[in-house]
């Protein structure tokens, strides 16, 4: 897709996802998210073709004018939309799927402890709400919703809703998870509990038999 096609697609996406969108001209002239994405497409193309300095300069200039910082090496899929994008930061090794929406203040960053792939991988059709932070080389599945202000530092499966600090899954497939104790991904396993109890009892009996045998042997030796 060429630059004109990218601009048209961004305008269409803005109309679909932002109820405040009025006209194509308004979107083209005033939507900082659109400007940041277009600038990133240019910077990424230059970065991919190993052009020095200029891709990072475009990234920083775009940050100055839009308040959105996207590293030129970040990989972003189709129909990506940033709504009210001030304060959005997308790190170097971030990978983003198709039809993803970000709101203001979102950070897709690293933890400062990793090298190489140190930023998150975001699936398709993900919504990341205002102020949320997704940190580290973790995978966020398809059709995930991350609530406002959440801090996500662990992988999230498909079709989940995550909220809180640290982020916790509160919905799976649209159904509420009642509590951590009865989290559907960590349900009690009665069979495993019984087996563990049996193993503990067997270990105890083996120790008792060994102790009794040693006691008899000592008695025989003394006599």
N, C-alpha and C. Protein backbone atom coordinates (compact mmCIF):
# COMPACT_ATOMS: atom_id res chain seq x y z
N UNK A 1 0.84 -1.19 0.00
CA UNK A 1 0.00 0.00 0.00
C UNK A 1 0.88 1.25 0.00
N UNK A 2 0.58 2.20 -0.91
CA UNK A 2 1.34 3.44 -0.97
C UNK A 2 0.91 4.41 0.11
N UNK A 3 1.58 5.56 0.13
CA UNK A 3 1.32 6.55 1.17
C UNK A 3 -0.11 7.09 1.08
N UNK A 4 -0.60 7.33 -0.14
CA UNK A 4 -1.96 7.84 -0.31
C UNK A 4 -2.98 6.81 0.18
N UNK A 5 -2.72 5.55 -0.15
CA UNK A 5 -3.61 4.48 0.31
C UNK A 5 -3.61 4.37 1.83
N UNK A 6 -2.44 4.56 2.44
CA UNK A 6 -2.34 4.52 3.90
C UNK A 6 -3.14 5.65 4.53
N UNK A 7 -3.06 6.84 3.95
CA UNK A 7 -3.81 7.99 4.48
C UNK A 7 -5.31 7.73 4.36
N UNK A 8 -5.76 7.23 3.23
CA UNK A 8 -7.18 6.93 3.05
C UNK A 8 -7.65 5.90 4.07
N UNK A 9 -6.83 4.86 4.29
CA UNK A 9 -7.19 3.83 5.24
C UNK A 9 -7.28 4.40 6.65
N UNK A 10 -6.35 5.27 7.01
CA UNK A 10 -6.36 5.88 8.34
C UNK A 10 -7.61 6.75 8.54
N UNK A 11 -8.01 7.45 7.51
CA UNK A 11 -9.22 8.27 7.60
C UNK A 11 -10.45 7.39 7.79
N UNK A 12 -10.52 6.29 7.04
CA UNK A 12 -11.64 5.35 7.18
C UNK A 12 -11.69 4.75 8.58
N UNK A 13 -10.52 4.38 9.09
CA UNK A 13 -10.44 3.79 10.44
C UNK A 13 -10.90 4.80 11.49
N UNK A 14 -10.47 6.05 11.34
CA UNK A 14 -10.87 7.09 12.30
C UNK A 14 -12.39 7.27 12.30
N UNK A 15 -13.00 7.25 11.12
CA UNK A 15 -14.45 7.39 11.04
C UNK A 15 -15.17 6.22 11.69
N UNK A 16 -14.58 5.02 11.56
CA UNK A 16 -15.21 3.83 12.12
C UNK A 16 -15.09 3.77 13.64
N UNK A 17 -13.98 4.24 14.19
CA UNK A 17 -13.71 4.02 15.62
C UNK A 17 -13.87 5.26 16.49
N UNK A 18 -13.96 6.42 15.89
CA UNK A 18 -14.10 7.63 16.69
C UNK A 18 -15.44 8.29 16.39
N UNK A 19 -16.38 8.24 17.32
CA UNK A 19 -17.69 8.84 17.08
C UNK A 19 -17.64 10.35 16.93
N UNK A 20 -16.51 10.98 17.34
CA UNK A 20 -16.38 12.43 17.22
C UNK A 20 -15.90 12.86 15.84
N UNK A 21 -15.50 11.90 15.01
CA UNK A 21 -15.01 12.24 13.67
C UNK A 21 -16.14 12.85 12.83
N UNK A 22 -15.85 13.99 12.22
CA UNK A 22 -16.87 14.72 11.45
C UNK A 22 -16.67 14.57 9.96
N UNK A 23 -15.46 14.85 9.50
CA UNK A 23 -15.21 14.82 8.06
C UNK A 23 -13.79 14.34 7.79
N UNK A 24 -13.57 13.92 6.55
CA UNK A 24 -12.23 13.47 6.16
C UNK A 24 -11.21 14.60 6.28
N UNK A 25 -11.61 15.81 5.92
CA UNK A 25 -10.69 16.95 6.00
C UNK A 25 -10.29 17.22 7.44
N UNK A 26 -11.25 17.16 8.34
CA UNK A 26 -10.94 17.39 9.75
C UNK A 26 -9.98 16.34 10.28
N UNK A 27 -10.23 15.09 9.93
CA UNK A 27 -9.36 13.99 10.37
C UNK A 27 -7.95 14.19 9.83
N UNK A 28 -7.86 14.49 8.55
CA UNK A 28 -6.55 14.66 7.91
C UNK A 28 -5.76 15.79 8.54
N UNK A 29 -6.43 16.86 8.92
CA UNK A 29 -5.73 18.06 9.39
C UNK A 29 -5.49 18.08 10.90
N UNK A 30 -6.33 17.39 11.67
CA UNK A 30 -6.28 17.59 13.12
C UNK A 30 -6.00 16.34 13.94
N UNK A 31 -5.99 15.18 13.35
CA UNK A 31 -5.81 13.95 14.13
C UNK A 31 -4.32 13.62 14.28
N UNK A 32 -3.79 13.84 15.47
CA UNK A 32 -2.37 13.60 15.71
C UNK A 32 -2.01 12.13 15.57
N UNK A 33 -2.96 11.24 15.90
CA UNK A 33 -2.70 9.81 15.73
C UNK A 33 -2.44 9.44 14.29
N UNK A 34 -3.24 10.01 13.39
CA UNK A 34 -3.04 9.77 11.96
C UNK A 34 -1.67 10.27 11.52
N UNK A 35 -1.31 11.48 11.96
CA UNK A 35 0.00 12.05 11.59
C UNK A 35 1.14 11.17 12.09
N UNK A 36 1.01 10.68 13.35
CA UNK A 36 2.07 9.86 13.92
C UNK A 36 2.23 8.55 13.17
N UNK A 37 1.11 7.93 12.78
CA UNK A 37 1.18 6.65 12.06
C UNK A 37 1.79 6.84 10.68
N UNK A 38 1.38 7.90 9.98
CA UNK A 38 1.95 8.16 8.65
C UNK A 38 3.45 8.43 8.76
N UNK A 39 3.84 9.24 9.73
CA UNK A 39 5.27 9.51 9.93
C UNK A 39 6.03 8.23 10.23
N UNK A 40 5.40 7.35 11.01
CA UNK A 40 6.07 6.09 11.34
C UNK A 40 6.24 5.21 10.10
N UNK A 41 5.23 5.17 9.25
CA UNK A 41 5.34 4.35 8.04
C UNK A 41 6.55 4.81 7.20
N UNK A 42 6.72 6.12 7.11
CA UNK A 42 7.86 6.66 6.35
C UNK A 42 9.17 6.30 7.04
N UNK A 43 9.23 6.53 8.36
CA UNK A 43 10.45 6.26 9.12
C UNK A 43 10.79 4.77 9.09
N UNK A 44 9.77 3.92 9.19
CA UNK A 44 10.03 2.49 9.18
C UNK A 44 10.57 2.02 7.83
N UNK A 45 10.03 2.58 6.75
CA UNK A 45 10.52 2.23 5.41
C UNK A 45 11.99 2.60 5.27
N UNK A 46 12.34 3.78 5.73
CA UNK A 46 13.74 4.22 5.66
C UNK A 46 14.63 3.36 6.56
N UNK A 47 14.13 3.03 7.76
CA UNK A 47 14.89 2.18 8.68
C UNK A 47 15.11 0.80 8.08
N UNK A 48 14.07 0.26 7.44
CA UNK A 48 14.17 -1.05 6.81
C UNK A 48 15.23 -1.06 5.71
N UNK A 49 15.38 0.07 5.03
CA UNK A 49 16.37 0.17 3.96
C UNK A 49 17.70 0.74 4.46
N UNK A 50 17.90 0.68 5.77
CA UNK A 50 19.16 1.00 6.42
C UNK A 50 19.63 2.44 6.16
N UNK A 51 18.68 3.33 6.05
CA UNK A 51 19.04 4.75 5.94
C UNK A 51 19.40 5.25 7.33
N UNK A 52 20.59 5.80 7.53
CA UNK A 52 21.00 6.23 8.88
C UNK A 52 20.36 7.56 9.29
N UNK A 53 20.22 7.77 10.57
CA UNK A 53 19.85 9.03 11.21
C UNK A 53 18.43 9.52 10.89
N UNK A 54 18.09 9.58 9.60
CA UNK A 54 16.83 10.21 9.20
C UNK A 54 15.60 9.54 9.82
N UNK A 55 15.52 8.19 9.87
CA UNK A 55 14.33 7.58 10.49
C UNK A 55 14.13 8.02 11.94
N UNK A 56 15.22 8.07 12.69
CA UNK A 56 15.09 8.48 14.09
C UNK A 56 14.75 9.96 14.20
N UNK A 57 15.28 10.75 13.28
CA UNK A 57 14.96 12.18 13.27
C UNK A 57 13.46 12.38 13.01
N UNK A 58 12.91 11.62 12.04
CA UNK A 58 11.48 11.70 11.75
C UNK A 58 10.67 11.31 12.99
N UNK A 59 11.11 10.25 13.67
CA UNK A 59 10.43 9.80 14.87
C UNK A 59 10.38 10.87 15.94
N UNK A 60 11.51 11.53 16.16
CA UNK A 60 11.58 12.56 17.19
C UNK A 60 10.82 13.83 16.78
N UNK A 61 10.88 14.18 15.50
CA UNK A 61 10.11 15.32 15.02
C UNK A 61 8.62 15.06 15.16
N UNK A 62 8.21 13.82 14.85
CA UNK A 62 6.81 13.45 15.00
C UNK A 62 6.40 13.52 16.47
N UNK A 63 7.28 13.08 17.35
CA UNK A 63 7.00 13.16 18.79
C UNK A 63 6.81 14.61 19.23
N UNK A 64 7.61 15.51 18.69
CA UNK A 64 7.52 16.91 19.06
C UNK A 64 6.17 17.50 18.65
N UNK A 65 5.71 17.15 17.45
CA UNK A 65 4.48 17.75 16.93
C UNK A 65 3.21 17.03 17.37
N UNK A 66 3.31 15.72 17.67
CA UNK A 66 2.10 14.94 17.98
C UNK A 66 2.02 14.47 19.43
N UNK A 67 3.15 14.46 20.13
CA UNK A 67 3.16 13.91 21.49
C UNK A 67 3.18 12.40 21.51
N UNK A 68 3.40 11.77 20.36
CA UNK A 68 3.40 10.31 20.22
C UNK A 68 4.78 9.86 19.74
N UNK A 69 5.39 8.96 20.49
CA UNK A 69 6.73 8.49 20.12
C UNK A 69 6.67 7.03 19.70
N UNK A 70 7.03 6.77 18.45
CA UNK A 70 7.07 5.41 17.91
C UNK A 70 8.46 5.18 17.33
N UNK A 71 9.15 4.19 17.84
CA UNK A 71 10.49 3.90 17.31
C UNK A 71 10.37 3.41 15.87
N UNK A 72 11.28 3.84 15.00
CA UNK A 72 11.19 3.45 13.59
C UNK A 72 11.21 1.94 13.35
N UNK A 73 11.82 1.18 14.27
CA UNK A 73 11.92 -0.27 14.09
C UNK A 73 10.66 -1.01 14.53
N UNK A 74 9.75 -0.35 15.23
CA UNK A 74 8.53 -1.02 15.69
C UNK A 74 7.72 -1.52 14.49
N UNK A 75 7.18 -2.73 14.61
CA UNK A 75 6.40 -3.33 13.52
C UNK A 75 4.91 -3.20 13.84
N UNK A 76 4.21 -2.50 12.97
CA UNK A 76 2.79 -2.19 13.21
C UNK A 76 1.95 -2.69 12.04
N UNK A 77 0.87 -3.38 12.36
CA UNK A 77 0.01 -3.97 11.35
C UNK A 77 -0.94 -2.97 10.70
N UNK A 78 -1.90 -3.50 9.98
CA UNK A 78 -2.84 -2.69 9.22
C UNK A 78 -3.93 -2.10 10.12
N UNK A 79 -4.47 -0.98 9.67
CA UNK A 79 -5.61 -0.33 10.32
C UNK A 79 -5.35 -0.05 11.79
N UNK A 80 -4.14 0.37 12.09
CA UNK A 80 -3.75 0.76 13.45
C UNK A 80 -4.26 2.16 13.73
N UNK A 81 -4.87 2.36 14.90
CA UNK A 81 -5.48 3.65 15.21
C UNK A 81 -5.08 4.10 16.61
N UNK A 82 -4.62 5.35 16.70
CA UNK A 82 -4.30 5.97 17.98
C UNK A 82 -5.29 7.11 18.19
N UNK A 83 -6.11 7.00 19.23
CA UNK A 83 -7.13 8.02 19.50
C UNK A 83 -6.68 8.88 20.68
N UNK A 84 -6.72 10.20 20.51
CA UNK A 84 -6.27 11.12 21.56
C UNK A 84 -4.89 10.70 22.04
N UNK A 85 -3.93 10.69 21.14
CA UNK A 85 -2.69 9.96 21.36
C UNK A 85 -1.62 10.59 22.21
N UNK A 86 -1.82 11.71 22.83
CA UNK A 86 -0.77 12.35 23.61
C UNK A 86 -0.18 11.39 24.65
N UNK A 87 1.15 11.29 24.65
CA UNK A 87 1.84 10.47 25.65
C UNK A 87 2.01 9.02 25.29
N UNK A 88 1.60 8.61 24.10
CA UNK A 88 1.79 7.22 23.67
C UNK A 88 3.26 6.98 23.35
N UNK A 89 3.80 5.86 23.84
CA UNK A 89 5.18 5.46 23.58
C UNK A 89 5.19 4.01 23.11
N UNK A 90 5.83 3.77 21.97
CA UNK A 90 5.91 2.41 21.41
C UNK A 90 7.38 2.10 21.17
N UNK A 91 7.90 1.10 21.87
CA UNK A 91 9.32 0.78 21.86
C UNK A 91 9.81 0.08 20.60
N UNK A 92 11.12 -0.03 20.53
CA UNK A 92 11.81 -0.50 19.32
C UNK A 92 11.39 -1.89 18.85
N UNK A 93 11.31 -2.85 19.74
CA UNK A 93 11.03 -4.23 19.33
C UNK A 93 9.55 -4.62 19.49
N UNK A 94 8.71 -3.61 19.61
CA UNK A 94 7.27 -3.87 19.69
C UNK A 94 6.75 -4.43 18.37
N UNK A 95 5.84 -5.40 18.45
CA UNK A 95 5.15 -5.93 17.29
C UNK A 95 3.65 -5.82 17.54
N UNK A 96 2.93 -5.22 16.59
CA UNK A 96 1.51 -4.97 16.76
C UNK A 96 0.76 -5.57 15.57
N UNK A 97 -0.30 -6.30 15.86
CA UNK A 97 -1.10 -6.92 14.81
C UNK A 97 -2.04 -5.95 14.12
N UNK A 98 -3.02 -6.48 13.42
CA UNK A 98 -3.96 -5.67 12.66
C UNK A 98 -5.14 -5.21 13.55
N UNK A 99 -5.71 -4.06 13.16
CA UNK A 99 -6.94 -3.54 13.78
C UNK A 99 -6.80 -3.28 15.28
N UNK A 100 -5.64 -2.79 15.67
CA UNK A 100 -5.38 -2.47 17.08
C UNK A 100 -5.68 -1.00 17.34
N UNK A 101 -6.24 -0.71 18.52
CA UNK A 101 -6.55 0.66 18.91
C UNK A 101 -5.86 1.00 20.22
N UNK A 102 -5.18 2.15 20.25
CA UNK A 102 -4.52 2.66 21.44
C UNK A 102 -5.12 4.01 21.80
N UNK A 103 -5.22 4.27 23.11
CA UNK A 103 -5.68 5.58 23.58
C UNK A 103 -4.53 6.32 24.26
N UNK A 104 -4.81 7.52 24.72
CA UNK A 104 -3.74 8.39 25.22
C UNK A 104 -3.00 7.79 26.41
N UNK A 105 -1.72 8.09 26.47
CA UNK A 105 -0.90 7.68 27.59
C UNK A 105 -0.50 6.22 27.63
N UNK A 106 -0.74 5.48 26.57
CA UNK A 106 -0.37 4.06 26.53
C UNK A 106 1.13 3.92 26.31
N UNK A 107 1.75 3.00 27.05
CA UNK A 107 3.16 2.68 26.86
C UNK A 107 3.31 1.21 26.51
N UNK A 108 3.94 0.94 25.39
CA UNK A 108 4.35 -0.43 25.03
C UNK A 108 5.86 -0.44 25.17
N UNK A 109 6.33 -0.74 26.36
CA UNK A 109 7.74 -0.53 26.68
C UNK A 109 8.44 -1.76 27.21
N UNK A 110 9.69 -1.56 27.60
CA UNK A 110 10.50 -2.62 28.20
C UNK A 110 10.57 -2.45 29.70
N UNK A 111 11.16 -3.44 30.35
CA UNK A 111 11.31 -3.40 31.80
C UNK A 111 12.67 -2.85 32.21
N UNK A 112 13.57 -2.66 31.24
CA UNK A 112 14.91 -2.19 31.54
C UNK A 112 15.86 -3.30 31.92
N UNK A 113 15.38 -4.56 31.93
CA UNK A 113 16.22 -5.69 32.34
C UNK A 113 16.55 -6.64 31.20
N UNK A 114 15.97 -6.40 30.04
CA UNK A 114 16.10 -7.35 28.95
C UNK A 114 16.92 -6.75 27.80
N UNK A 115 17.44 -7.66 26.98
CA UNK A 115 18.13 -7.27 25.76
C UNK A 115 17.48 -8.01 24.60
N UNK A 116 17.74 -7.55 23.38
CA UNK A 116 17.10 -8.18 22.23
C UNK A 116 15.63 -7.82 22.18
N UNK A 117 14.77 -8.84 22.07
CA UNK A 117 13.31 -8.62 22.05
C UNK A 117 12.86 -8.27 23.46
N UNK A 118 12.63 -7.00 23.72
CA UNK A 118 12.35 -6.53 25.07
C UNK A 118 11.03 -5.78 25.20
N UNK A 119 10.28 -5.70 24.10
CA UNK A 119 8.99 -5.01 24.12
C UNK A 119 7.88 -5.99 23.76
N UNK A 120 6.64 -5.65 24.05
CA UNK A 120 5.54 -6.62 23.88
C UNK A 120 5.18 -6.91 22.43
N UNK A 121 4.52 -8.05 22.27
CA UNK A 121 3.91 -8.44 20.99
C UNK A 121 2.40 -8.41 21.19
N UNK A 122 1.74 -7.58 20.40
CA UNK A 122 0.29 -7.37 20.55
C UNK A 122 -0.44 -8.07 19.41
N UNK A 123 -1.47 -8.83 19.75
CA UNK A 123 -2.22 -9.57 18.73
C UNK A 123 -3.15 -8.69 17.92
N UNK A 124 -4.09 -9.30 17.23
CA UNK A 124 -5.04 -8.59 16.38
C UNK A 124 -6.26 -8.13 17.18
N UNK A 125 -6.83 -7.02 16.75
CA UNK A 125 -8.09 -6.48 17.31
C UNK A 125 -8.00 -6.23 18.82
N UNK A 126 -6.87 -5.76 19.26
CA UNK A 126 -6.65 -5.46 20.68
C UNK A 126 -6.99 -3.99 20.94
N UNK A 127 -7.61 -3.71 22.08
CA UNK A 127 -7.89 -2.35 22.52
C UNK A 127 -7.12 -2.10 23.81
N UNK A 128 -6.28 -1.07 23.82
CA UNK A 128 -5.51 -0.73 25.01
C UNK A 128 -5.94 0.67 25.45
N UNK A 129 -6.57 0.75 26.60
CA UNK A 129 -7.22 1.97 27.05
C UNK A 129 -6.23 2.97 27.65
N UNK A 130 -6.74 4.15 27.96
CA UNK A 130 -5.92 5.28 28.37
C UNK A 130 -5.05 4.96 29.59
N UNK A 131 -3.78 5.32 29.47
CA UNK A 131 -2.85 5.19 30.59
C UNK A 131 -2.34 3.80 30.87
N UNK A 132 -2.73 2.83 30.09
CA UNK A 132 -2.28 1.45 30.33
C UNK A 132 -0.82 1.28 29.93
N UNK A 133 -0.13 0.39 30.64
CA UNK A 133 1.27 0.09 30.36
C UNK A 133 1.41 -1.42 30.13
N UNK A 134 2.00 -1.78 29.00
CA UNK A 134 2.29 -3.17 28.71
C UNK A 134 3.80 -3.27 28.60
N UNK A 135 4.43 -4.00 29.51
CA UNK A 135 5.88 -3.92 29.67
C UNK A 135 6.54 -5.28 29.54
N UNK A 136 7.65 -5.30 28.82
CA UNK A 136 8.44 -6.51 28.69
C UNK A 136 8.13 -7.28 27.44
N UNK A 137 8.92 -8.32 27.20
CA UNK A 137 8.76 -9.16 26.02
C UNK A 137 7.68 -10.20 26.29
N UNK A 138 6.43 -9.74 26.34
CA UNK A 138 5.29 -10.61 26.61
C UNK A 138 4.35 -10.59 25.42
N UNK A 139 3.49 -11.59 25.34
CA UNK A 139 2.53 -11.69 24.24
C UNK A 139 1.12 -11.40 24.75
N UNK A 140 0.45 -10.52 24.04
CA UNK A 140 -0.95 -10.21 24.30
C UNK A 140 -1.76 -10.83 23.16
N UNK A 141 -2.71 -11.69 23.49
CA UNK A 141 -3.45 -12.44 22.47
C UNK A 141 -4.40 -11.58 21.65
N UNK A 142 -5.09 -12.22 20.75
CA UNK A 142 -6.07 -11.55 19.90
C UNK A 142 -7.32 -11.18 20.71
N UNK A 143 -7.98 -10.11 20.29
CA UNK A 143 -9.28 -9.69 20.86
C UNK A 143 -9.20 -9.45 22.37
N UNK A 144 -8.09 -8.92 22.81
CA UNK A 144 -7.90 -8.59 24.24
C UNK A 144 -8.27 -7.13 24.47
N UNK A 145 -8.86 -6.84 25.61
CA UNK A 145 -9.13 -5.47 26.05
C UNK A 145 -8.34 -5.22 27.33
N UNK A 146 -7.52 -4.18 27.32
CA UNK A 146 -6.75 -3.80 28.50
C UNK A 146 -7.33 -2.49 29.03
N UNK A 147 -7.76 -2.51 30.28
CA UNK A 147 -8.45 -1.39 30.87
C UNK A 147 -7.55 -0.20 31.16
N UNK A 148 -8.18 0.95 31.39
CA UNK A 148 -7.46 2.18 31.65
C UNK A 148 -6.58 2.05 32.90
N UNK A 149 -5.32 2.48 32.78
CA UNK A 149 -4.41 2.49 33.90
C UNK A 149 -3.83 1.15 34.28
N UNK A 150 -4.17 0.10 33.57
CA UNK A 150 -3.64 -1.23 33.90
C UNK A 150 -2.14 -1.30 33.63
N UNK A 151 -1.45 -2.11 34.40
CA UNK A 151 -0.03 -2.38 34.17
C UNK A 151 0.10 -3.88 33.94
N UNK A 152 0.41 -4.25 32.71
CA UNK A 152 0.44 -5.66 32.31
C UNK A 152 1.89 -6.10 32.14
N UNK A 153 2.31 -7.08 32.90
CA UNK A 153 3.70 -7.57 32.84
C UNK A 153 3.76 -9.08 32.60
N UNK A 154 2.59 -9.71 32.41
CA UNK A 154 2.55 -11.14 32.12
C UNK A 154 1.72 -11.37 30.86
N UNK A 155 1.99 -12.47 30.14
CA UNK A 155 1.23 -12.75 28.92
C UNK A 155 -0.26 -12.84 29.18
N UNK A 156 -1.04 -12.50 28.16
CA UNK A 156 -2.50 -12.55 28.25
C UNK A 156 -3.04 -13.40 27.10
N UNK A 157 -3.86 -14.42 27.38
CA UNK A 157 -4.43 -15.25 26.30
C UNK A 157 -5.45 -14.48 25.47
N UNK A 158 -5.93 -15.11 24.41
CA UNK A 158 -6.94 -14.51 23.55
C UNK A 158 -8.24 -14.25 24.32
N UNK A 159 -8.99 -13.26 23.84
CA UNK A 159 -10.37 -13.00 24.29
C UNK A 159 -10.49 -12.71 25.79
N UNK A 160 -9.52 -11.99 26.32
CA UNK A 160 -9.55 -11.66 27.75
C UNK A 160 -9.66 -10.16 27.96
N UNK A 161 -10.18 -9.79 29.13
CA UNK A 161 -10.18 -8.40 29.57
C UNK A 161 -9.31 -8.30 30.81
N UNK A 162 -8.38 -7.33 30.80
CA UNK A 162 -7.41 -7.18 31.88
C UNK A 162 -7.54 -5.80 32.50
N UNK A 163 -7.54 -5.74 33.83
CA UNK A 163 -7.58 -4.46 34.52
C UNK A 163 -6.66 -4.52 35.73
N UNK A 164 -6.34 -3.33 36.28
CA UNK A 164 -5.65 -3.27 37.56
C UNK A 164 -4.15 -3.19 37.49
N UNK A 165 -3.55 -3.02 38.69
CA UNK A 165 -2.10 -2.94 38.86
C UNK A 165 -1.70 -3.90 39.96
N UNK A 166 -0.98 -4.99 39.66
CA UNK A 166 -0.66 -5.45 38.30
C UNK A 166 -1.91 -5.97 37.60
N UNK A 167 -1.83 -6.06 36.28
CA UNK A 167 -2.99 -6.46 35.50
C UNK A 167 -3.49 -7.85 35.84
N UNK A 168 -4.81 -7.98 36.02
CA UNK A 168 -5.43 -9.27 36.29
C UNK A 168 -6.56 -9.49 35.30
N UNK A 169 -6.73 -10.72 34.89
CA UNK A 169 -7.80 -11.08 33.96
C UNK A 169 -9.13 -11.10 34.71
N UNK A 170 -10.09 -10.31 34.25
CA UNK A 170 -11.41 -10.26 34.89
C UNK A 170 -12.51 -10.84 34.00
N UNK A 171 -12.22 -11.01 32.72
CA UNK A 171 -13.18 -11.65 31.82
C UNK A 171 -12.43 -12.56 30.85
N UNK A 172 -13.04 -13.68 30.54
CA UNK A 172 -12.52 -14.59 29.53
C UNK A 172 -13.67 -14.91 28.59
N UNK A 173 -13.53 -14.57 27.32
CA UNK A 173 -14.60 -14.81 26.37
C UNK A 173 -15.88 -14.07 26.72
N UNK A 174 -15.74 -12.91 27.37
CA UNK A 174 -16.90 -12.11 27.74
C UNK A 174 -17.54 -12.50 29.06
N UNK A 175 -17.09 -13.58 29.69
CA UNK A 175 -17.66 -14.04 30.95
C UNK A 175 -16.76 -13.60 32.11
N UNK A 176 -17.38 -13.13 33.19
CA UNK A 176 -16.63 -12.62 34.32
C UNK A 176 -15.92 -13.75 35.06
N UNK A 177 -14.72 -13.44 35.52
CA UNK A 177 -13.98 -14.31 36.43
C UNK A 177 -14.24 -13.78 37.83
N UNK A 178 -14.79 -14.60 38.72
CA UNK A 178 -15.27 -14.10 40.00
C UNK A 178 -14.15 -13.63 40.91
N UNK A 179 -13.06 -14.38 40.99
CA UNK A 179 -11.97 -13.99 41.88
C UNK A 179 -10.72 -14.74 41.48
N UNK A 180 -9.60 -14.34 42.07
CA UNK A 180 -8.35 -15.03 41.80
C UNK A 180 -8.43 -16.48 42.25
N UNK A 181 -9.12 -16.73 43.38
CA UNK A 181 -9.18 -18.07 43.93
C UNK A 181 -9.87 -19.03 42.96
N UNK A 182 -10.88 -18.52 42.26
CA UNK A 182 -11.63 -19.37 41.33
C UNK A 182 -11.39 -18.94 39.89
N UNK A 183 -10.20 -18.42 39.63
CA UNK A 183 -9.84 -18.03 38.27
C UNK A 183 -9.88 -19.28 37.39
N UNK A 184 -10.58 -19.19 36.27
CA UNK A 184 -10.76 -20.36 35.42
C UNK A 184 -9.44 -20.91 34.89
N UNK A 185 -8.36 -20.10 34.93
CA UNK A 185 -7.07 -20.59 34.47
C UNK A 185 -6.30 -21.25 35.62
N UNK A 186 -6.82 -21.15 36.86
CA UNK A 186 -6.14 -21.72 38.02
C UNK A 186 -7.14 -22.41 38.94
N UNK A 187 -8.07 -23.16 38.37
CA UNK A 187 -9.09 -23.84 39.18
C UNK A 187 -8.45 -24.94 40.02
N UNK A 188 -9.01 -25.19 41.23
CA UNK A 188 -8.50 -26.29 42.05
C UNK A 188 -8.59 -27.61 41.31
N UNK A 189 -7.61 -28.49 41.54
CA UNK A 189 -7.56 -29.79 40.87
C UNK A 189 -7.67 -30.87 41.95
N UNK A 190 -8.87 -31.38 42.24
CA UNK A 190 -9.04 -32.36 43.32
C UNK A 190 -8.26 -33.65 43.10
N UNK A 191 -8.15 -34.09 41.85
CA UNK A 191 -7.39 -35.31 41.56
C UNK A 191 -5.92 -35.12 41.92
N UNK A 192 -5.39 -33.98 41.54
CA UNK A 192 -3.99 -33.69 41.86
C UNK A 192 -3.79 -33.59 43.37
N UNK A 193 -4.80 -33.01 44.07
CA UNK A 193 -4.69 -32.90 45.53
C UNK A 193 -4.66 -34.28 46.18
N UNK A 194 -5.52 -35.22 45.71
CA UNK A 194 -5.54 -36.56 46.26
C UNK A 194 -4.23 -37.29 46.00
N UNK A 195 -3.72 -37.17 44.77
CA UNK A 195 -2.46 -37.82 44.43
C UNK A 195 -1.31 -37.28 45.28
N UNK A 196 -1.31 -35.97 45.48
CA UNK A 196 -0.26 -35.36 46.30
C UNK A 196 -0.33 -35.87 47.73
N UNK A 197 -1.56 -36.01 48.26
CA UNK A 197 -1.74 -36.52 49.62
C UNK A 197 -1.28 -37.97 49.73
N UNK A 198 -1.62 -38.77 48.70
CA UNK A 198 -1.19 -40.18 48.69
C UNK A 198 0.33 -40.29 48.65
N UNK A 199 0.95 -39.46 47.82
CA UNK A 199 2.42 -39.49 47.72
C UNK A 199 3.06 -39.12 49.05
N UNK A 200 2.46 -38.14 49.73
CA UNK A 200 3.00 -37.73 51.03
C UNK A 200 2.86 -38.86 52.05
N UNK A 201 1.71 -39.56 52.04
CA UNK A 201 1.49 -40.67 52.97
C UNK A 201 2.45 -41.83 52.70
N UNK A 202 2.64 -42.14 51.41
CA UNK A 202 3.56 -43.23 51.04
C UNK A 202 4.98 -42.90 51.48
N UNK A 203 5.39 -41.67 51.27
CA UNK A 203 6.73 -41.26 51.69
C UNK A 203 6.89 -41.40 53.20
N UNK A 204 5.82 -41.01 53.95
CA UNK A 204 5.86 -41.12 55.41
C UNK A 204 5.95 -42.58 55.85
N UNK A 205 5.15 -43.49 55.23
CA UNK A 205 5.18 -44.90 55.57
C UNK A 205 6.52 -45.54 55.24
N UNK A 206 7.10 -45.15 54.10
CA UNK A 206 8.42 -45.68 53.75
C UNK A 206 9.46 -45.29 54.78
N UNK A 207 9.38 -44.06 55.26
CA UNK A 207 10.32 -43.61 56.28
C UNK A 207 10.11 -44.39 57.58
N UNK A 208 8.84 -44.64 57.95
CA UNK A 208 8.55 -45.39 59.17
C UNK A 208 9.05 -46.83 59.06
N UNK A 209 8.81 -47.47 57.90
CA UNK A 209 9.28 -48.85 57.70
C UNK A 209 10.80 -48.92 57.76
N UNK A 210 11.45 -47.94 57.16
CA UNK A 210 12.91 -47.91 57.19
C UNK A 210 13.41 -47.75 58.62
N UNK A 211 12.73 -46.89 59.40
CA UNK A 211 13.13 -46.67 60.79
C UNK A 211 12.92 -47.93 61.62
N UNK A 212 11.79 -48.61 61.40
CA UNK A 212 11.52 -49.84 62.13
C UNK A 212 12.52 -50.94 61.78
N UNK A 213 12.87 -51.05 60.49
CA UNK A 213 13.83 -52.05 60.05
C UNK A 213 15.19 -51.79 60.66
N UNK A 214 15.59 -50.52 60.68
CA UNK A 214 16.87 -50.18 61.28
C UNK A 214 16.87 -50.49 62.77
N UNK A 215 15.72 -50.28 63.44
CA UNK A 215 15.61 -50.59 64.86
C UNK A 215 15.75 -52.08 65.14
N UNK A 216 15.13 -52.93 64.30
CA UNK A 216 15.25 -54.39 64.46
C UNK A 216 16.68 -54.85 64.22
N UNK A 217 17.31 -54.32 63.19
CA UNK A 217 18.68 -54.70 62.90
C UNK A 217 19.59 -54.37 64.06
N UNK A 218 19.39 -53.22 64.68
CA UNK A 218 20.22 -52.82 65.82
C UNK A 218 19.99 -53.74 67.01
N UNK A 219 18.71 -54.19 67.21
CA UNK A 219 18.38 -55.10 68.32
C UNK A 219 19.07 -56.44 68.13
N UNK A 220 19.02 -57.00 66.92
CA UNK A 220 19.69 -58.26 66.61
C UNK A 220 21.19 -58.16 66.84
N UNK A 221 21.75 -57.05 66.44
CA UNK A 221 23.19 -56.87 66.58
C UNK A 221 23.61 -56.81 68.04
N UNK A 222 22.78 -56.18 68.88
CA UNK A 222 23.09 -56.07 70.31
C UNK A 222 22.98 -57.43 71.02
N UNK A 223 22.00 -58.26 70.56
CA UNK A 223 21.81 -59.56 71.20
C UNK A 223 22.87 -60.55 70.73
